[in-house]
């Protein structure tokens, strides 16, 4: 099915007159000559002693180095895998003194959870987020001003508030934390325009020690984070990307009947209690709803989640999953940011994601409690066409960028002084075109009012040569992302964990605490799968006949391994189907078709060799 339409009209269509944007955030008042309040040194604090304040006894890899950098007043870039303990890296320094630690994150649910946990432990923390309780926000501002708050969690859009920024200027800032820092990269997989504001906020606050945290930055994106935020000779902490408690499987599904087999595999996996709670990621809203209905039909408690649902319905679905009222969420990639459910036992990808970074971030939502969990990619080469279409739809040309800049200039002249215009961020192609125009020097981007982008236009002719170079770079990066996930899905002779670690530039050997992946340890954890036959309306195989001796099954199992050609044996036939074949001893393709669980695709591919084997073994 086709991808969902963009949420906003394309900028490449005629730009309609925007609604009055309202007052843009006023520039920050100039500082008193004395400068910002002096920050007290924290260098004398012992990280291990601070650890005990949270009732913990040992650091995870990389945490101590990050905490030490913050206590020493150094900037830091902290790259840790999802579930690797990034939050501790800034929570401990925040507890070391009375100055304020500011944590910026787009993950409202995660901030709320961290704020509540710290408050419950007696550590004064506050949170400000858009759309929140007005009285709660006012109380949080008061706690910042009077010095009672030691940690402030804030969504990035809150920095458009003059009152909030004024309250921050009255406090000495011990540490400024940018969580999910890959959102600052317009080339990253989760760019957030409001993150463009943060470099100027950091400078306005006198550049306090700044910690940028992310779980999904390749070395290339990490360098862009450093540059965008203006980090000064940062301490670079990379704890390693390995998730030792996760196992990784890629199960291929191609050819006739592949969709039916794929559905049967998913349902069989979700039916296993040890695989729940579970998240199933889909590529489109339509497949999300179809799969949710399919899972519900198996008697499992399930909720759907995608951006086409209204906010209230999405909140209900997420809350039900977090509370354990549903066992499975079937969702697009709109689900997950800020979902910190520790006991997710499996994450399934029904469709290939757009990049290996996106895949690893989504897969990493399993097993945050450190217990064994699974990440399963149900791979079909048919998905590659969808990804190619996305790349083609997002491609930007020199002519499109030039036309966009011309229209923005005309609109700015029509509506204002000719240099500034505000607009909705638009879809991926809009975002890339604006980023290219910015890098070519034609405009500068900043957050505007009401979630809009503020575009400041430069004069002079557009550097078309530079634009052409940037257009090629943008296209190349999309194809690189495509090739990374294509290789991962198609490579069946190299450890999955090693592939992932190499992609993120982690040379350390993988150290799984249990099963590693389908390459190193072929799939044996699925039960006998009731593989749906290709013909419509056929029932799954029954297995209620007389027992079949193992010695009678042995020749068929050997045949099945050969026909599987390195793929999981169940992709040819389940044990239940083999037992039924032994019971019936079919002699013709028609008799094979009469066995429940065998369809035309099986007969076309396997009937000749199977019937020959049955004739030989009597």
Foldseek 3Di string as FASTA:
>chain_A
DAADDWPDDDLLPQDDFDDPQPDWQDDADDDDPVAFPDDDQQQPDDLQVLCCLLPDHDAAFQLVVLLNCLNRFAAAEAAEAQLRPPVSSQVSNLPRDLFAEEEEDQQVLQVVVVCVSCVVSVAAEAEDEPPDDPVSNVVRLVCLQVSVHSYYYYYLVVVSDNSNLVSNRNTQYSEYEYEQLLLCDLLGPNHAQSSLCQLVSCVSSVNTHYYYYHHQDFPVSSVVSCVSNVHDPHHYTYRFNFLQQEAEEFAEFDDFLRVLQLLLQVLLQLVDPLQWLEEEAEAHLVVQVVSQVVNVVVVFFEEEAEPVDDPVSNVVRLVCVLVVVGTYYYYHLVPDRNNQRQARAEYEYAAQDQFLSSLSNRRSSHHSVSHHHYYYYHDYVVRLVSNVVVLVVLQDALVSLQVSLVSVQVSCVVPHVSFKDKDACIDNNSSLSVVLCVVQVQWDWHQTHPRIIIIGGDDDDGPSVSSRVSSVVSSVSSVVRSVLRVCLNPDQQDFSSVSSSVSRVHPDDHNHPDHHYCNVPNDDPGAQTQRAESDPPFGGADQPDDDDDPVLLVVVQVVLVVLCVSHDSCVLPGPSLSRVCSVQVDQDLVSSCVGGSYYPVNCVRPVVVVNVVSVVVD
